[in-house]
C-alpha atoms as a PDB file:
ATOM      1  CA  MET A   1       5.933 -20.613 -20.220  1.00  0.00           C
ATOM      2  CA  ALA A   2       3.563 -23.550 -20.772  1.00  0.00           C
ATOM      3  CA  LYS A   3       1.780 -24.852 -17.720  1.00  0.00           C
ATOM      4  CA  THR A   4       2.238 -28.566 -17.221  1.00  0.00           C
ATOM      5  CA  ASP A   5       0.134 -30.812 -15.021  1.00  0.00           C
ATOM      6  CA  ASP A   6       2.992 -30.707 -12.477  1.00  0.00           C
ATOM      7  CA  THR A   7       2.908 -26.914 -12.411  1.00  0.00           C
ATOM      8  CA  ILE A   8      -0.838 -26.872 -11.836  1.00  0.00           C
ATOM      9  CA  GLU A   9      -0.500 -29.476  -9.083  1.00  0.00           C
ATOM     10  CA  ASN A  10       2.231 -27.346  -7.489  1.00  0.00           C
ATOM     11  CA  ARG A  11      -0.037 -24.285  -7.632  1.00  0.00           C
ATOM     12  CA  VAL A  12      -2.845 -26.153  -5.928  1.00  0.00           C
ATOM     13  CA  TYR A  13      -0.566 -27.672  -3.288  1.00  0.00           C
ATOM     14  CA  LEU A  14       1.118 -24.341  -2.477  1.00  0.00           C
ATOM     15  CA  PHE A  15      -2.154 -22.439  -2.305  1.00  0.00           C
ATOM     16  CA  GLU A  16      -3.818 -25.133  -0.205  1.00  0.00           C
ATOM     17  CA  SER A  17      -0.960 -25.047   2.276  1.00  0.00           C
ATOM     18  CA  LEU A  18      -0.708 -21.255   2.473  1.00  0.00           C
ATOM     19  CA  ALA A  19      -4.461 -20.653   2.495  1.00  0.00           C
ATOM     20  CA  SER A  20      -5.070 -23.258   5.179  1.00  0.00           C
ATOM     21  CA  SER A  21      -2.666 -21.527   7.545  1.00  0.00           C
ATOM     22  CA  TYR A  22      -4.038 -18.099   6.696  1.00  0.00           C
ATOM     23  CA  VAL A  23      -7.685 -19.103   7.147  1.00  0.00           C
ATOM     24  CA  ALA A  24      -6.867 -20.584  10.544  1.00  0.00           C
ATOM     25  CA  ALA A  25      -5.155 -17.360  11.607  1.00  0.00           C
ATOM     26  CA  ALA A  26      -7.644 -14.919  10.028  1.00  0.00           C
ATOM     27  CA  SER A  27     -10.975 -16.659  10.567  1.00  0.00           C
ATOM     28  CA  GLU A  28     -12.354 -13.716  12.560  1.00  0.00           C
ATOM     29  CA  GLN A  29     -11.494 -11.255   9.787  1.00  0.00           C
ATOM     30  CA  LEU A  30     -12.942 -13.510   7.092  1.00  0.00           C
ATOM     31  CA  SER A  31     -16.246 -13.770   8.957  1.00  0.00           C
ATOM     32  CA  SER A  32     -16.321 -10.183  10.205  1.00  0.00           C
ATOM     33  CA  ASP A  33     -19.501  -8.132  10.013  1.00  0.00           C
ATOM     34  CA  ASP A  34     -17.370  -5.236   8.767  1.00  0.00           C
ATOM     35  CA  GLU A  35     -17.233  -5.290   4.961  1.00  0.00           C
ATOM     36  CA  GLN A  36     -13.804  -3.604   4.754  1.00  0.00           C
ATOM     37  CA  THR A  37     -12.270  -6.106   7.177  1.00  0.00           C
ATOM     38  CA  ARG A  38     -13.679  -9.020   5.173  1.00  0.00           C
ATOM     39  CA  GLN A  39     -12.469  -7.516   1.884  1.00  0.00           C
ATOM     40  CA  ARG A  40      -8.912  -7.066   3.237  1.00  0.00           C
ATOM     41  CA  ALA A  41      -8.888 -10.710   4.339  1.00  0.00           C
ATOM     42  CA  LEU A  42     -10.155 -11.837   0.932  1.00  0.00           C
ATOM     43  CA  ARG A  43      -7.514  -9.713  -0.820  1.00  0.00           C
ATOM     44  CA  ALA A  44      -4.871 -11.456   1.298  1.00  0.00           C
ATOM     45  CA  LEU A  45      -6.193 -14.828   0.080  1.00  0.00           C
ATOM     46  CA  ALA A  46      -6.030 -13.561  -3.494  1.00  0.00           C
ATOM     47  CA  GLU A  47      -2.407 -12.505  -2.951  1.00  0.00           C
ATOM     48  CA  LEU A  48      -1.613 -15.984  -1.613  1.00  0.00           C
ATOM     49  CA  ALA A  49      -3.128 -17.485  -4.769  1.00  0.00           C
ATOM     50  CA  TYR A  50      -1.017 -15.136  -6.896  1.00  0.00           C
ATOM     51  CA  VAL A  51       2.181 -15.985  -5.022  1.00  0.00           C
ATOM     52  CA  SER A  52       1.406 -19.703  -5.338  1.00  0.00           C
ATOM     53  CA  CYS A  53       1.091 -19.332  -9.107  1.00  0.00           C
ATOM     54  CA  VAL A  54       4.263 -17.278  -9.455  1.00  0.00           C
ATOM     55  CA  VAL A  55       6.294 -19.727  -7.386  1.00  0.00           C
ATOM     56  CA  ALA A  56       4.944 -22.761  -9.253  1.00  0.00           C
ATOM     57  CA  ASP A  57       5.413 -21.135 -12.669  1.00  0.00           C
ATOM     58  CA  THR A  58       8.988 -19.996 -12.003  1.00  0.00           C
ATOM     59  CA  GLN A  59      10.508 -23.239 -10.766  1.00  0.00           C
ATOM     60  CA  ARG A  60      13.675 -22.671 -12.760  1.00  0.00           C
ATOM     61  CA  LEU A  61      14.347 -19.157 -11.436  1.00  0.00           C
ATOM     62  CA  SER A  62      16.479 -18.375  -8.405  1.00  0.00           C
ATOM     63  CA  PRO A  63      14.721 -17.420  -5.161  1.00  0.00           C
ATOM     64  CA  GLU A  64      15.826 -13.815  -5.707  1.00  0.00           C
ATOM     65  CA  GLN A  65      14.283 -13.740  -9.182  1.00  0.00           C
ATOM     66  CA  VAL A  66      11.008 -15.192  -7.868  1.00  0.00           C
ATOM     67  CA  ARG A  67      10.990 -12.579  -5.101  1.00  0.00           C
ATOM     68  CA  GLU A  68      11.415  -9.827  -7.689  1.00  0.00           C
ATOM     69  CA  ARG A  69       8.548 -11.245  -9.767  1.00  0.00           C
ATOM     70  CA  VAL A  70       6.245 -11.280  -6.753  1.00  0.00           C
ATOM     71  CA  LEU A  71       7.249  -7.837  -5.470  1.00  0.00           C
ATOM     72  CA  GLY A  72       7.391  -6.278  -8.923  1.00  0.00           C
ATOM     73  CA  SER A  73       3.635  -6.300  -9.330  1.00  0.00           C
ATOM     74  CA  PHE A  74       2.684  -6.026  -5.679  1.00  0.00           C
ATOM     75  CA  GLU A  75       1.513  -2.675  -4.454  1.00  0.00           C
ATOM     76  CA  PRO A  76       0.662  -2.787  -0.759  1.00  0.00           C
ATOM     77  CA  GLU A  77      -2.523  -1.100   0.337  1.00  0.00           C
ATOM     78  CA  GLN A  78      -1.764   2.292   1.829  1.00  0.00           C
ATOM     79  CA  PRO A  79      -3.371   3.336   5.091  1.00  0.00           C
ATOM     80  CA  PRO A  80      -5.960   6.130   4.627  1.00  0.00           C
ATOM     81  CA  GLU A  81      -3.696   8.845   6.074  1.00  0.00           C
ATOM     82  CA  ALA A  82      -0.911   7.991   3.575  1.00  0.00           C
ATOM     83  CA  ARG A  83      -3.101   8.259   0.467  1.00  0.00           C
ATOM     84  CA  PRO A  84      -2.645  11.416  -1.627  1.00  0.00           C
ATOM     85  CA  GLY A  85      -5.177  14.105  -0.778  1.00  0.00           C
ATOM     86  CA  ARG A  86      -6.349  12.301   2.357  1.00  0.00           C
ATOM     87  CA  GLY A  87      -4.184  14.009   4.988  1.00  0.00           C
ATOM     88  CA  LYS A  88      -5.545  15.409   8.227  1.00  0.00           C
ATOM     89  CA  ARG A  89      -7.027  18.873   8.027  1.00  0.00           C
ATOM     90  CA  ARG A  90      -5.954  21.512  10.459  1.00  0.00           C
END
């Protein structure tokens, strides 16, 4: 699908709106002294950018199809205890 100027503008507008709200809510995490906390917050911003692009690039799809596109390549970060080989030792 070719990206038109409208699509790029939509990407920017969506990301600006989503990121602005997220930064306001996660400012402590984004400026944390803990590297892992900061990285998780930055990954969330990257996911917002991705979602903005998918939504802008799939204007002609139904909401359900867009949802499937977003979730199809999204793998949520697992907590340490849920990762294979990282269970608690007894």
